[in-house]
Amino acid sequence: MTYLITGATGFIGGKLVRRLIANGEAVNYLARRRSNKFDSQVAFHMWDLKDEAPLSSVPRLDAIIHLTGEPVAQRWTEAAKKRIYDSRIDGTRHLVSALAKLRHKPEVLVMASAVGYYGDRGEELLTEDSQPGKNFLSHVCVDWEAEGIKARELGVRVVPVRFATVLGKDGGAFPLMATPARFGLGATFGNGQQWMSWIHVDDLINLLLFAAKKPEITGVLNGASPQPVRNAIFMKTLAEALHRPMFLAAPKFALRAALGEMSEFLFDSLRVTPPAVERAGFEYRLGSLRSALAYLVDHE
């Protein structure tokens, strides 16, 4: 297959491109500038998100995996919130607009979304069929998915994948949490009773490729392990994997002072499960938190 990747220079996108090359697939990527992470096997096409995607420059296109988006993990000033929103909604709109002009369209568009779609839901068990929340991230995800789903009108299969917290040794949440934990400074967020949904980056990449290759998958997938845990259990399991103590708690007011509105996301309770993923026959390699964290620590 010939793939087109957006967001290829990011933590997840870079790993995805390298996996595809290792699998012998043809890979193109869209970005503002060429990356030195990839060799000449990977075809670069310049794209500013404010413009229509240059899809006509790709000679053949079987699948698009769309990962582009401004990082959420930053202080949420009004300007940052606008960048987070615009990069996802405008970027996806301009990608679908370009798809409409192609004579030979790809079979599938697999697009990133996030479990932030659901908002803070307490003890509620959330599936792909659950309704969206009402906070900022929920609003972003609803509009983001809506822009991508418009490609179905063009005959393209669209699979939004709602990412949980992605665990990897060289990006995502793991290094941010593991560094203080190594010094015995790991801490729960508040009382630690909020539910956390997570997925190891290798399982997420496997899931993206699984979705691209399975024509029977036509709807939303939760990119989450089937075993969500409370924040206190997550941090305790991380400390155990690192052979360090863990007895601190980061109070909400302190995180709010440091991170602003973004800190609210750390206290959202997201008990997300992936029944649509499991019904499709996907098998998790690192589906338990203990095995995922042990793998990360052992392979650093």
Protein backbone atom coordinates (compact mmCIF):
# COMPACT_ATOMS: atom_id res chain seq x y z
CA MET A 1 0.00 0.00 0.00
CA THR A 2 0.98 3.63 -0.46
CA TYR A 3 0.42 5.72 2.64
CA LEU A 4 0.26 9.45 3.22
CA ILE A 5 1.00 10.57 6.79
CA THR A 6 0.35 13.97 8.31
CA GLY A 7 2.00 14.76 11.63
CA ALA A 8 4.86 12.46 10.61
CA THR A 9 7.50 14.47 12.48
CA GLY A 10 5.77 14.05 15.84
CA PHE A 11 6.23 11.41 18.53
CA ILE A 12 3.59 9.01 17.14
CA GLY A 13 3.96 9.93 13.47
CA GLY A 14 7.71 9.33 13.42
CA LYS A 15 7.29 5.84 14.86
CA LEU A 16 4.49 5.13 12.42
CA VAL A 17 6.60 6.12 9.41
CA ARG A 18 9.51 3.96 10.55
CA ARG A 19 7.16 1.00 11.06
CA LEU A 20 5.73 1.40 7.57
CA ILE A 21 9.19 1.55 6.00
CA ALA A 22 10.23 -1.56 7.95
CA ASN A 23 7.10 -3.27 6.58
CA GLY A 24 8.12 -2.41 3.02
CA GLU A 25 5.29 0.07 2.42
CA ALA A 26 5.57 3.22 0.29
CA VAL A 27 5.33 6.34 2.47
CA ASN A 28 4.67 10.01 1.74
CA TYR A 29 4.34 12.72 4.36
CA LEU A 30 3.01 16.26 4.48
CA ALA A 31 4.80 18.85 6.62
CA ARG A 32 5.95 22.46 6.59
CA ARG A 33 9.54 21.37 6.15
CA ARG A 34 11.50 18.23 5.37
CA SER A 35 12.58 16.20 8.41
CA ASN A 36 16.08 14.78 8.84
CA LYS A 37 14.49 11.85 10.71
CA PHE A 38 13.69 10.11 7.44
CA ASP A 39 15.83 9.04 4.51
CA SER A 40 15.07 9.37 0.82
CA GLN A 41 12.71 6.39 0.92
CA VAL A 42 10.08 8.69 2.43
CA ALA A 43 8.63 11.24 0.00
CA PHE A 44 8.17 14.76 1.39
CA HIS A 45 5.43 17.15 0.26
CA MET A 46 5.32 20.68 1.68
CA TRP A 47 2.05 21.67 3.38
CA ASP A 48 1.04 24.67 5.46
CA LEU A 49 -2.17 23.82 7.35
CA LYS A 50 -3.66 27.14 6.27
CA ASP A 51 -3.65 25.92 2.66
CA GLU A 52 -5.28 23.05 0.84
CA ALA A 53 -3.23 19.86 1.11
CA PRO A 54 -1.12 19.14 -2.02
CA LEU A 55 -2.54 15.67 -2.62
CA SER A 56 -2.26 15.94 -6.38
CA SER A 57 1.53 15.75 -6.01
CA VAL A 58 1.27 12.19 -4.64
CA PRO A 59 1.27 9.83 -7.65
CA ARG A 60 -0.69 7.08 -5.92
CA LEU A 61 -2.57 7.06 -2.64
CA ASP A 62 -4.19 4.08 -0.91
CA ALA A 63 -4.49 5.28 2.69
CA ILE A 64 -4.13 8.51 4.67
CA ILE A 65 -3.30 8.53 8.38
CA HIS A 66 -3.96 12.04 9.63
CA LEU A 67 -2.19 12.94 12.89
CA THR A 68 -1.51 16.67 12.60
CA GLY A 69 -2.39 18.92 15.53
CA GLU A 70 -0.93 21.55 17.86
CA PRO A 71 0.23 19.88 21.14
CA VAL A 72 -2.41 19.96 23.87
CA ALA A 73 0.20 19.69 26.67
CA GLN A 74 0.90 23.39 27.10
CA ARG A 75 -0.51 26.27 29.11
CA TRP A 76 -3.90 27.08 27.62
CA THR A 77 -3.77 30.76 26.87
CA GLU A 78 -6.47 32.02 24.53
CA ALA A 79 -3.87 32.06 21.73
CA ALA A 80 -2.84 28.46 22.50
CA LYS A 81 -6.47 27.29 22.53
CA LYS A 82 -6.98 28.89 19.14
CA ARG A 83 -3.91 27.10 17.76
CA ILE A 84 -5.10 23.77 19.22
CA TYR A 85 -8.52 24.22 17.62
CA ASP A 86 -7.48 25.68 14.29
CA SER A 87 -4.67 23.19 13.61
CA ARG A 88 -7.13 20.32 13.87
CA ILE A 89 -10.26 21.74 12.31
CA ASP A 90 -8.68 23.83 9.54
CA GLY A 91 -6.04 21.19 8.78
CA THR A 92 -8.66 18.45 8.44
CA ARG A 93 -10.98 20.67 6.39
CA HIS A 94 -8.17 21.50 3.96
CA LEU A 95 -7.22 17.83 3.70
CA VAL A 96 -10.78 16.76 2.84
CA SER A 97 -11.14 19.66 0.42
CA ALA A 98 -8.09 18.37 -1.46
CA LEU A 99 -9.48 14.82 -1.40
CA ALA A 100 -12.61 16.02 -3.19
CA LYS A 101 -10.49 17.11 -6.16
CA LEU A 102 -8.69 13.81 -6.63
CA ARG A 103 -9.81 11.64 -9.50
CA HIS A 104 -8.54 8.49 -7.76
CA LYS A 105 -9.28 8.77 -4.08
CA PRO A 106 -7.70 6.71 -1.28
CA GLU A 107 -9.71 3.86 0.16
CA VAL A 108 -9.42 5.05 3.76
CA LEU A 109 -8.74 8.05 5.97
CA VAL A 110 -7.71 7.07 9.51
CA MET A 111 -7.71 10.23 11.59
CA ALA A 112 -6.61 11.04 15.11
CA SER A 113 -9.08 12.28 17.67
CA ALA A 114 -8.87 12.03 21.47
CA VAL A 115 -10.71 10.58 24.45
CA GLY A 116 -11.07 14.20 25.52
CA TYR A 117 -14.18 13.90 23.31
CA TYR A 118 -16.04 12.47 26.31
CA GLY A 119 -15.20 15.13 28.90
CA ASP A 120 -15.14 14.54 32.66
CA ARG A 121 -17.53 11.62 33.24
CA GLY A 122 -16.80 10.36 36.76
CA GLU A 123 -17.51 6.64 37.16
CA GLU A 124 -19.35 6.25 33.82
CA LEU A 125 -18.04 3.44 31.63
CA LEU A 126 -17.41 5.04 28.24
CA THR A 127 -17.53 3.28 24.86
CA GLU A 128 -17.32 4.45 21.27
CA ASP A 129 -21.10 5.03 21.40
CA SER A 130 -20.99 7.39 24.40
CA GLN A 131 -22.05 11.00 23.89
CA PRO A 132 -19.51 13.87 23.90
CA GLY A 133 -18.78 16.07 26.87
CA LYS A 134 -19.13 19.84 27.08
CA ASN A 135 -15.66 21.20 27.83
CA PHE A 136 -13.04 22.74 25.54
CA LEU A 137 -11.41 19.47 24.44
CA SER A 138 -14.80 17.87 23.82
CA HIS A 139 -15.72 20.78 21.56
CA VAL A 140 -12.42 20.45 19.68
CA CYS A 141 -12.85 16.70 19.16
CA VAL A 142 -16.47 16.94 18.02
CA ASP A 143 -15.64 19.56 15.38
CA TRP A 144 -12.42 17.76 14.40
CA GLU A 145 -14.18 14.47 13.73
CA ALA A 146 -17.01 16.22 11.90
CA GLU A 147 -14.58 17.71 9.38
CA GLY A 148 -12.95 14.34 8.72
CA ILE A 149 -16.24 12.44 8.42
CA LYS A 150 -17.19 14.68 5.50
CA ALA A 151 -14.82 12.53 3.40
CA ARG A 152 -17.42 9.74 3.58
CA GLU A 153 -19.49 11.78 1.15
CA LEU A 154 -16.61 11.28 -1.32
CA GLY A 155 -16.70 7.50 -0.97
CA VAL A 156 -13.71 7.37 1.40
CA ARG A 157 -13.90 5.13 4.46
CA VAL A 158 -13.23 7.29 7.53
CA VAL A 159 -12.10 5.87 10.88
CA PRO A 160 -11.61 8.38 13.72
CA VAL A 161 -9.40 6.93 16.46
CA ARG A 162 -9.79 8.61 19.85
CA PHE A 163 -6.36 8.50 21.46
CA ALA A 164 -6.02 7.93 25.19
CA THR A 165 -2.84 8.96 27.05
CA VAL A 166 -0.08 7.49 24.88
CA LEU A 167 2.83 5.83 26.68
CA GLY A 168 6.24 5.77 24.99
CA LYS A 169 9.77 6.18 26.24
CA ASP A 170 10.70 9.13 24.03
CA GLY A 171 7.52 11.16 23.93
CA GLY A 172 4.02 11.57 25.23
CA ALA A 173 3.17 11.48 28.93
CA PHE A 174 5.59 8.79 30.13
CA PRO A 175 8.84 10.83 30.29
CA LEU A 176 7.02 13.69 32.07
CA MET A 177 5.73 11.36 34.76
CA ALA A 178 8.74 9.04 34.97
CA THR A 179 11.39 11.73 35.56
CA PRO A 180 10.11 12.93 38.96
CA ALA A 181 9.10 9.35 39.89
CA ARG A 182 12.72 8.23 39.49
CA PHE A 183 13.66 10.64 42.29
CA GLY A 184 10.87 9.44 44.54
CA LEU A 185 8.78 12.48 43.62
CA GLY A 186 5.99 10.75 41.71
CA ALA A 187 2.61 12.14 42.71
CA THR A 188 -1.06 11.47 42.20
CA PHE A 189 -3.14 14.28 40.75
CA GLY A 190 -5.27 15.39 43.67
CA ASN A 191 -6.78 12.41 45.45
CA GLY A 192 -6.00 10.16 42.47
CA GLN A 193 -9.51 8.72 42.22
CA GLN A 194 -10.15 9.95 38.66
CA TRP A 195 -10.02 7.30 35.95
CA MET A 196 -7.15 7.34 33.43
CA SER A 197 -7.29 5.79 30.00
CA TRP A 198 -4.00 4.97 28.34
CA ILE A 199 -2.39 2.97 25.52
CA HIS A 200 1.19 1.92 24.76
CA VAL A 201 2.46 3.63 21.61
CA ASP A 202 3.24 0.29 19.92
CA ASP A 203 -0.35 -0.85 20.38
CA LEU A 204 -1.62 2.48 19.07
CA ILE A 205 0.49 2.22 15.90
CA ASN A 206 -0.69 -1.36 15.43
CA LEU A 207 -4.27 -0.16 15.81
CA LEU A 208 -3.87 2.63 13.24
CA LEU A 209 -2.53 0.16 10.68
CA PHE A 210 -5.18 -2.42 11.61
CA ALA A 211 -7.90 0.19 10.98
CA ALA A 212 -6.35 1.14 7.64
CA LYS A 213 -6.28 -2.44 6.38
CA LYS A 214 -9.68 -3.68 7.61
CA PRO A 215 -12.41 -2.53 5.19
CA GLU A 216 -15.12 -3.69 7.56
CA ILE A 217 -14.12 -1.01 10.10
CA THR A 218 -16.21 2.03 9.22
CA GLY A 219 -16.73 3.88 12.50
CA VAL A 220 -15.03 5.36 15.54
CA LEU A 221 -12.47 3.39 17.56
CA ASN A 222 -11.26 4.17 21.06
CA GLY A 223 -7.46 4.10 20.96
CA ALA A 224 -7.25 2.96 24.56
CA SER A 225 -6.23 -0.12 26.51
CA PRO A 226 -9.16 -2.25 27.68
CA GLN A 227 -7.91 -1.68 31.26
CA PRO A 228 -8.41 1.94 32.39
CA VAL A 229 -7.15 2.57 35.94
CA ARG A 230 -7.51 5.23 38.58
CA ASN A 231 -4.76 7.85 38.63
CA ALA A 232 -3.52 6.64 42.03
CA ILE A 233 -3.11 3.09 40.69
CA PHE A 234 -1.36 4.36 37.58
CA MET A 235 1.19 6.34 39.58
CA LYS A 236 1.71 3.52 42.10
CA THR A 237 2.31 1.02 39.27
CA LEU A 238 4.76 3.44 37.63
CA ALA A 239 6.68 3.86 40.89
CA GLU A 240 6.84 0.08 41.31
CA ALA A 241 8.12 -0.36 37.74
CA LEU A 242 10.89 2.13 38.55
CA HIS A 243 11.54 0.57 42.01
CA ARG A 244 10.86 3.90 43.71
CA PRO A 245 8.52 4.97 46.52
CA MET A 246 5.42 7.01 45.77
CA PHE A 247 3.64 8.87 48.54
CA LEU A 248 3.06 12.41 47.25
CA ALA A 249 -0.06 14.10 45.92
CA ALA A 250 -0.06 17.17 43.68
CA PRO A 251 -2.87 19.45 44.87
CA LYS A 252 -5.24 20.86 42.31
CA PHE A 253 -4.48 24.49 43.16
CA ALA A 254 -0.75 23.96 42.56
CA LEU A 255 -1.28 22.38 39.15
CA ARG A 256 -3.76 25.10 38.26
CA ALA A 257 -1.15 27.74 39.13
CA ALA A 258 1.48 25.97 37.02
CA LEU A 259 -0.61 24.92 34.02
CA GLY A 260 -3.69 27.13 34.02
CA GLU A 261 -6.87 25.78 32.45
CA MET A 262 -5.00 22.83 30.94
CA SER A 263 -4.64 21.38 34.46
CA GLU A 264 -8.39 20.63 34.47
CA PHE A 265 -7.75 17.87 31.93
CA LEU A 266 -5.48 16.10 34.46
CA PHE A 267 -8.44 15.79 36.83
CA ASP A 268 -11.00 14.68 34.25
CA SER A 269 -12.22 11.16 34.96
CA LEU A 270 -12.19 9.14 31.71
CA ARG A 271 -13.07 5.49 32.13
CA VAL A 272 -12.79 4.67 28.44
CA THR A 273 -13.06 1.15 27.06
CA PRO A 274 -12.63 -0.05 23.43
CA PRO A 275 -15.43 -2.55 22.67
CA ALA A 276 -15.49 -1.66 18.95
CA VAL A 277 -11.75 -2.37 18.76
CA GLU A 278 -12.15 -5.74 20.44
CA ARG A 279 -15.16 -6.70 18.29
CA ALA A 280 -13.02 -6.00 15.20
CA GLY A 281 -10.53 -8.61 16.40
CA PHE A 282 -7.62 -6.37 17.36
CA GLU A 283 -5.20 -7.95 19.84
CA TYR A 284 -3.30 -5.78 22.30
CA ARG A 285 0.33 -6.69 22.85
CA LEU A 286 0.74 -4.50 25.95
CA GLY A 287 -2.82 -4.18 27.18
CA SER A 288 -2.14 -4.34 30.93
CA LEU A 289 -0.61 -1.33 32.66
CA ARG A 290 1.97 -3.40 34.51
CA SER A 291 3.25 -5.02 31.32
CA ALA A 292 3.27 -1.72 29.39
CA LEU A 293 5.22 0.17 32.07
CA ALA A 294 7.63 -2.72 32.63
CA TYR A 295 8.31 -2.83 28.89
CA LEU A 296 9.02 0.91 28.80
CA VAL A 297 11.39 0.76 31.76
CA ASP A 298 13.21 -2.34 30.49
CA HIS A 299 13.70 -0.88 27.00
CA GLU A 300 15.01 2.56 27.90
